[in-house]
Amino acid sequence: MQTRIDLNAGKPVDWRNLTSWLAPVGRRWDIAVLANLPADGSWVRPAELRDAINAQAAPERQISWKVLEEAFRRLEGGGYIARREMTQVPRETRYWILTPGHRLITALTLLEAWLEPGDPH
């Protein structure tokens, strides 16, 4: 006689909510953008962020300006980051991480620590 294992013992995971919550960060570079924004909420210029990400990426896998701008729009629309256009000359744009983005990076840091080095990707 087989014993049935209750996979939802305790509080079940609301996978629909998690999927919805993670949707804005489902692209290759989204986590890289969030992970490279200052955790203290201070701002960064797009060029500085692009340089930081590309310094960490493999030479054949660099983020382009177009892809970075798309990530900015997606993350801003999802409420993970904020943007401000400065009216001074020369004109500049500043980005910073918001509380939901910081919470997501914190959760992903815990997940990364939980993963075993030999676990499949």
N, C-alpha and C. Protein backbone atom coordinates (compact mmCIF):
# COMPACT_ATOMS: atom_id res chain seq x y z
N MET A 1 0.84 -1.18 0.00
CA MET A 1 0.00 0.00 0.00
C MET A 1 0.89 1.25 0.00
N GLN A 2 0.62 2.16 -0.94
CA GLN A 2 1.40 3.38 -1.04
C GLN A 2 0.85 4.44 -0.10
N THR A 3 1.77 5.25 0.43
CA THR A 3 1.38 6.36 1.27
C THR A 3 1.37 7.61 0.42
N ARG A 4 0.31 8.33 0.50
CA ARG A 4 0.21 9.57 -0.26
C ARG A 4 0.90 10.69 0.51
N ILE A 5 1.74 11.44 -0.18
CA ILE A 5 2.44 12.57 0.42
C ILE A 5 1.67 13.84 0.10
N ASP A 6 1.35 14.59 1.14
CA ASP A 6 0.65 15.86 0.94
C ASP A 6 1.68 16.92 0.61
N LEU A 7 1.76 17.29 -0.67
CA LEU A 7 2.74 18.27 -1.12
C LEU A 7 2.41 19.68 -0.63
N ASN A 8 1.19 19.89 -0.23
CA ASN A 8 0.79 21.22 0.24
C ASN A 8 0.61 21.25 1.75
N ALA A 9 1.40 20.47 2.47
CA ALA A 9 1.31 20.47 3.93
C ALA A 9 1.62 21.88 4.43
N GLY A 10 0.87 22.32 5.38
CA GLY A 10 1.05 23.69 5.85
C GLY A 10 0.36 24.65 4.90
N LYS A 11 0.86 25.84 4.83
CA LYS A 11 0.28 26.87 3.96
C LYS A 11 0.74 26.64 2.52
N PRO A 12 -0.20 26.47 1.60
CA PRO A 12 0.20 26.25 0.21
C PRO A 12 0.80 27.52 -0.39
N VAL A 13 1.71 27.32 -1.31
CA VAL A 13 2.33 28.44 -2.01
C VAL A 13 1.34 28.97 -3.03
N ASP A 14 1.13 30.25 -3.03
CA ASP A 14 0.26 30.88 -4.02
C ASP A 14 1.11 31.18 -5.25
N TRP A 15 1.27 30.16 -6.09
CA TRP A 15 2.16 30.29 -7.24
C TRP A 15 1.67 31.33 -8.24
N ARG A 16 0.37 31.57 -8.33
CA ARG A 16 -0.14 32.59 -9.25
C ARG A 16 0.30 33.98 -8.79
N ASN A 17 0.24 34.21 -7.49
CA ASN A 17 0.68 35.48 -6.94
C ASN A 17 2.18 35.66 -7.15
N LEU A 18 2.97 34.62 -6.88
CA LEU A 18 4.42 34.70 -7.07
C LEU A 18 4.77 34.95 -8.54
N THR A 19 4.10 34.25 -9.44
CA THR A 19 4.35 34.44 -10.87
C THR A 19 4.03 35.86 -11.29
N SER A 20 2.92 36.38 -10.80
CA SER A 20 2.54 37.76 -11.11
C SER A 20 3.55 38.75 -10.54
N TRP A 21 4.00 38.50 -9.32
CA TRP A 21 4.94 39.39 -8.64
C TRP A 21 6.29 39.40 -9.34
N LEU A 22 6.71 38.24 -9.87
CA LEU A 22 8.01 38.12 -10.52
C LEU A 22 7.98 38.47 -12.01
N ALA A 23 6.82 38.63 -12.60
CA ALA A 23 6.70 38.88 -14.04
C ALA A 23 7.56 40.05 -14.52
N PRO A 24 7.60 41.19 -13.82
CA PRO A 24 8.40 42.30 -14.33
C PRO A 24 9.91 42.04 -14.30
N VAL A 25 10.37 41.01 -13.62
CA VAL A 25 11.81 40.74 -13.55
C VAL A 25 12.16 39.41 -14.20
N GLY A 26 11.38 39.04 -15.20
CA GLY A 26 11.58 37.75 -15.84
C GLY A 26 12.58 37.74 -16.98
N ARG A 27 13.13 38.87 -17.32
CA ARG A 27 14.08 38.93 -18.43
C ARG A 27 15.51 38.82 -17.92
N ARG A 28 16.41 38.49 -18.84
CA ARG A 28 17.80 38.21 -18.51
C ARG A 28 18.47 39.29 -17.65
N TRP A 29 18.30 40.55 -17.96
CA TRP A 29 19.07 41.61 -17.31
C TRP A 29 18.35 42.29 -16.15
N ASP A 30 17.10 41.96 -15.91
CA ASP A 30 16.32 42.66 -14.88
C ASP A 30 16.94 42.52 -13.49
N ILE A 31 17.33 41.30 -13.14
CA ILE A 31 17.94 41.08 -11.82
C ILE A 31 19.28 41.80 -11.74
N ALA A 32 20.03 41.81 -12.84
CA ALA A 32 21.32 42.50 -12.86
C ALA A 32 21.13 44.00 -12.59
N VAL A 33 20.09 44.58 -13.17
CA VAL A 33 19.81 46.00 -12.93
C VAL A 33 19.50 46.23 -11.46
N LEU A 34 18.58 45.44 -10.91
CA LEU A 34 18.21 45.61 -9.50
C LEU A 34 19.40 45.37 -8.57
N ALA A 35 20.18 44.34 -8.86
CA ALA A 35 21.30 43.99 -7.98
C ALA A 35 22.40 45.04 -7.99
N ASN A 36 22.46 45.86 -9.03
CA ASN A 36 23.52 46.86 -9.13
C ASN A 36 23.07 48.26 -8.75
N LEU A 37 21.81 48.41 -8.38
CA LEU A 37 21.37 49.71 -7.84
C LEU A 37 21.76 49.76 -6.37
N PRO A 38 22.20 50.91 -5.88
CA PRO A 38 22.61 51.00 -4.48
C PRO A 38 21.49 50.58 -3.52
N ALA A 39 21.83 49.71 -2.59
CA ALA A 39 20.84 49.18 -1.63
C ALA A 39 20.32 50.26 -0.69
N ASP A 40 21.08 51.33 -0.51
CA ASP A 40 20.66 52.39 0.41
C ASP A 40 19.65 53.35 -0.21
N GLY A 41 19.24 53.10 -1.46
CA GLY A 41 18.25 53.95 -2.10
C GLY A 41 18.83 55.17 -2.78
N SER A 42 20.15 55.33 -2.76
CA SER A 42 20.74 56.45 -3.49
C SER A 42 20.64 56.20 -4.99
N TRP A 43 20.77 57.22 -5.77
CA TRP A 43 20.54 57.13 -7.20
C TRP A 43 21.82 56.80 -7.96
N VAL A 44 21.62 56.39 -9.21
CA VAL A 44 22.72 56.09 -10.10
C VAL A 44 22.33 56.54 -11.51
N ARG A 45 23.31 56.94 -12.28
CA ARG A 45 23.09 57.31 -13.69
C ARG A 45 23.10 56.05 -14.54
N PRO A 46 22.35 56.05 -15.65
CA PRO A 46 22.32 54.87 -16.51
C PRO A 46 23.70 54.40 -16.98
N ALA A 47 24.57 55.32 -17.34
CA ALA A 47 25.91 54.93 -17.83
C ALA A 47 26.71 54.22 -16.74
N GLU A 48 26.59 54.69 -15.51
CA GLU A 48 27.29 54.04 -14.39
C GLU A 48 26.75 52.63 -14.17
N LEU A 49 25.44 52.48 -14.26
CA LEU A 49 24.82 51.18 -14.06
C LEU A 49 25.22 50.22 -15.18
N ARG A 50 25.19 50.70 -16.41
CA ARG A 50 25.59 49.87 -17.56
C ARG A 50 27.04 49.43 -17.42
N ASP A 51 27.92 50.34 -17.03
CA ASP A 51 29.33 49.99 -16.84
C ASP A 51 29.50 48.92 -15.75
N ALA A 52 28.76 49.06 -14.65
CA ALA A 52 28.86 48.10 -13.55
C ALA A 52 28.38 46.72 -13.99
N ILE A 53 27.26 46.67 -14.69
CA ILE A 53 26.72 45.38 -15.15
C ILE A 53 27.67 44.74 -16.15
N ASN A 54 28.15 45.51 -17.11
CA ASN A 54 29.04 44.95 -18.13
C ASN A 54 30.38 44.52 -17.57
N ALA A 55 30.82 45.13 -16.49
CA ALA A 55 32.07 44.71 -15.84
C ALA A 55 31.91 43.32 -15.22
N GLN A 56 30.69 42.96 -14.85
CA GLN A 56 30.41 41.66 -14.23
C GLN A 56 30.06 40.59 -15.27
N ALA A 57 29.62 41.01 -16.43
CA ALA A 57 29.15 40.08 -17.46
C ALA A 57 30.33 39.59 -18.31
N ALA A 58 30.11 38.46 -18.96
CA ALA A 58 31.11 37.93 -19.88
C ALA A 58 31.25 38.89 -21.06
N PRO A 59 32.43 38.98 -21.66
CA PRO A 59 32.65 39.92 -22.77
C PRO A 59 31.66 39.74 -23.93
N GLU A 60 31.24 38.51 -24.17
CA GLU A 60 30.31 38.28 -25.28
C GLU A 60 28.86 38.48 -24.87
N ARG A 61 28.59 38.82 -23.61
CA ARG A 61 27.22 39.00 -23.11
C ARG A 61 27.10 40.36 -22.42
N GLN A 62 27.25 41.43 -23.15
CA GLN A 62 27.15 42.77 -22.60
C GLN A 62 25.75 43.32 -22.82
N ILE A 63 25.27 44.12 -21.87
CA ILE A 63 23.94 44.73 -22.00
C ILE A 63 24.04 45.95 -22.90
N SER A 64 23.13 46.06 -23.85
CA SER A 64 23.10 47.20 -24.76
C SER A 64 22.26 48.32 -24.15
N TRP A 65 22.39 49.52 -24.73
CA TRP A 65 21.59 50.63 -24.26
C TRP A 65 20.11 50.35 -24.44
N LYS A 66 19.74 49.76 -25.58
CA LYS A 66 18.34 49.47 -25.86
C LYS A 66 17.76 48.51 -24.82
N VAL A 67 18.48 47.45 -24.54
CA VAL A 67 17.99 46.45 -23.57
C VAL A 67 17.94 47.06 -22.17
N LEU A 68 18.92 47.90 -21.82
CA LEU A 68 18.92 48.56 -20.51
C LEU A 68 17.70 49.48 -20.38
N GLU A 69 17.41 50.24 -21.42
CA GLU A 69 16.23 51.13 -21.39
C GLU A 69 14.94 50.33 -21.26
N GLU A 70 14.85 49.19 -21.95
CA GLU A 70 13.67 48.34 -21.82
C GLU A 70 13.53 47.80 -20.40
N ALA A 71 14.64 47.41 -19.80
CA ALA A 71 14.62 46.93 -18.42
C ALA A 71 14.19 48.04 -17.47
N PHE A 72 14.70 49.24 -17.68
CA PHE A 72 14.29 50.38 -16.86
C PHE A 72 12.77 50.57 -16.92
N ARG A 73 12.22 50.58 -18.13
CA ARG A 73 10.78 50.80 -18.28
C ARG A 73 9.97 49.70 -17.60
N ARG A 74 10.40 48.45 -17.78
CA ARG A 74 9.69 47.32 -17.19
C ARG A 74 9.75 47.39 -15.66
N LEU A 75 10.94 47.64 -15.11
CA LEU A 75 11.11 47.67 -13.66
C LEU A 75 10.42 48.88 -13.03
N GLU A 76 10.44 50.00 -13.74
CA GLU A 76 9.73 51.18 -13.24
C GLU A 76 8.22 50.93 -13.27
N GLY A 77 7.73 50.33 -14.34
CA GLY A 77 6.30 50.01 -14.45
C GLY A 77 5.85 49.02 -13.39
N GLY A 78 6.76 48.13 -12.97
CA GLY A 78 6.43 47.15 -11.94
C GLY A 78 6.58 47.69 -10.53
N GLY A 79 7.06 48.92 -10.39
CA GLY A 79 7.21 49.52 -9.06
C GLY A 79 8.47 49.12 -8.33
N TYR A 80 9.45 48.57 -9.06
CA TYR A 80 10.70 48.12 -8.43
C TYR A 80 11.76 49.22 -8.38
N ILE A 81 11.71 50.14 -9.35
CA ILE A 81 12.67 51.24 -9.38
C ILE A 81 11.94 52.54 -9.67
N ALA A 82 12.62 53.65 -9.45
CA ALA A 82 12.07 54.96 -9.78
C ALA A 82 13.07 55.69 -10.66
N ARG A 83 12.56 56.65 -11.42
CA ARG A 83 13.38 57.43 -12.34
C ARG A 83 13.06 58.91 -12.15
N ARG A 84 14.10 59.71 -12.32
CA ARG A 84 13.89 61.16 -12.28
C ARG A 84 14.74 61.81 -13.35
N GLU A 85 14.09 62.64 -14.14
CA GLU A 85 14.79 63.42 -15.17
C GLU A 85 15.22 64.74 -14.53
N MET A 86 16.51 65.01 -14.58
CA MET A 86 17.04 66.25 -14.03
C MET A 86 17.03 67.30 -15.14
N THR A 87 16.58 68.51 -14.80
CA THR A 87 16.43 69.56 -15.81
C THR A 87 17.68 70.39 -16.01
N GLN A 88 18.69 70.12 -15.22
CA GLN A 88 19.93 70.89 -15.35
C GLN A 88 20.61 70.59 -16.68
N VAL A 89 21.59 71.39 -17.03
CA VAL A 89 22.39 71.16 -18.23
C VAL A 89 23.77 70.71 -17.78
N PRO A 90 24.30 69.62 -18.26
CA PRO A 90 23.65 68.71 -19.21
C PRO A 90 22.56 67.90 -18.52
N ARG A 91 21.57 67.56 -19.32
CA ARG A 91 20.42 66.81 -18.82
C ARG A 91 20.87 65.41 -18.41
N GLU A 92 20.32 64.91 -17.33
CA GLU A 92 20.64 63.54 -16.90
C GLU A 92 19.43 62.88 -16.28
N THR A 93 19.48 61.56 -16.28
CA THR A 93 18.43 60.75 -15.68
C THR A 93 19.04 59.98 -14.52
N ARG A 94 18.28 59.84 -13.46
CA ARG A 94 18.74 59.11 -12.28
C ARG A 94 17.74 58.02 -11.95
N TYR A 95 18.28 56.88 -11.53
CA TYR A 95 17.45 55.74 -11.14
C TYR A 95 17.82 55.30 -9.73
N TRP A 96 16.84 54.80 -9.00
CA TRP A 96 17.11 54.24 -7.68
C TRP A 96 16.12 53.12 -7.41
N ILE A 97 16.49 52.25 -6.49
CA ILE A 97 15.66 51.09 -6.16
C ILE A 97 14.60 51.50 -5.13
N LEU A 98 13.41 50.95 -5.30
CA LEU A 98 12.31 51.18 -4.35
C LEU A 98 12.19 49.98 -3.42
N THR A 99 11.34 50.10 -2.41
CA THR A 99 11.18 49.04 -1.41
C THR A 99 10.85 47.67 -2.03
N PRO A 100 9.92 47.56 -2.99
CA PRO A 100 9.66 46.24 -3.57
C PRO A 100 10.89 45.64 -4.25
N GLY A 101 11.68 46.45 -4.92
CA GLY A 101 12.91 45.97 -5.54
C GLY A 101 13.92 45.51 -4.52
N HIS A 102 14.05 46.25 -3.45
CA HIS A 102 14.96 45.88 -2.38
C HIS A 102 14.51 44.58 -1.72
N ARG A 103 13.22 44.45 -1.48
CA ARG A 103 12.69 43.20 -0.89
C ARG A 103 12.94 42.01 -1.80
N LEU A 104 12.78 42.21 -3.11
CA LEU A 104 13.03 41.12 -4.06
C LEU A 104 14.50 40.72 -4.05
N ILE A 105 15.40 41.66 -4.06
CA ILE A 105 16.83 41.34 -4.03
C ILE A 105 17.18 40.63 -2.73
N THR A 106 16.60 41.04 -1.62
CA THR A 106 16.83 40.38 -0.33
C THR A 106 16.36 38.93 -0.40
N ALA A 107 15.17 38.70 -0.95
CA ALA A 107 14.64 37.33 -1.07
C ALA A 107 15.51 36.49 -2.00
N LEU A 108 15.97 37.07 -3.10
CA LEU A 108 16.82 36.32 -4.03
C LEU A 108 18.19 36.02 -3.44
N THR A 109 18.68 36.90 -2.59
CA THR A 109 19.94 36.65 -1.90
C THR A 109 19.80 35.45 -0.96
N LEU A 110 18.67 35.36 -0.27
CA LEU A 110 18.40 34.20 0.58
C LEU A 110 18.28 32.92 -0.24
N LEU A 111 17.61 33.01 -1.38
CA LEU A 111 17.48 31.86 -2.26
C LEU A 111 18.86 31.41 -2.77
N GLU A 112 19.67 32.36 -3.16
CA GLU A 112 21.02 32.05 -3.64
C GLU A 112 21.84 31.36 -2.55
N ALA A 113 21.71 31.81 -1.31
CA ALA A 113 22.44 31.20 -0.20
C ALA A 113 21.93 29.79 0.09
N TRP A 114 20.66 29.54 -0.17
CA TRP A 114 20.06 28.24 0.08
C TRP A 114 20.48 27.21 -0.96
N LEU A 115 20.70 27.65 -2.19
CA LEU A 115 21.06 26.73 -3.28
C LEU A 115 22.41 26.08 -3.00
N GLU A 116 22.49 24.83 -3.33
CA GLU A 116 23.75 24.10 -3.22
C GLU A 116 24.60 24.40 -4.45
N PRO A 117 25.92 24.45 -4.30
CA PRO A 117 26.79 24.74 -5.44
C PRO A 117 26.58 23.80 -6.64
N GLY A 118 26.23 22.55 -6.41
CA GLY A 118 26.06 21.60 -7.50
C GLY A 118 24.66 21.51 -8.05
N ASP A 119 23.72 22.32 -7.54
CA ASP A 119 22.34 22.27 -8.01
C ASP A 119 22.27 22.69 -9.47
N PRO A 120 21.37 22.05 -10.25
CA PRO A 120 21.22 22.44 -11.66
C PRO A 120 20.66 23.85 -11.76
N HIS A 121 21.02 24.53 -12.81
CA HIS A 121 20.54 25.91 -13.03
C HIS A 121 19.28 25.91 -13.82
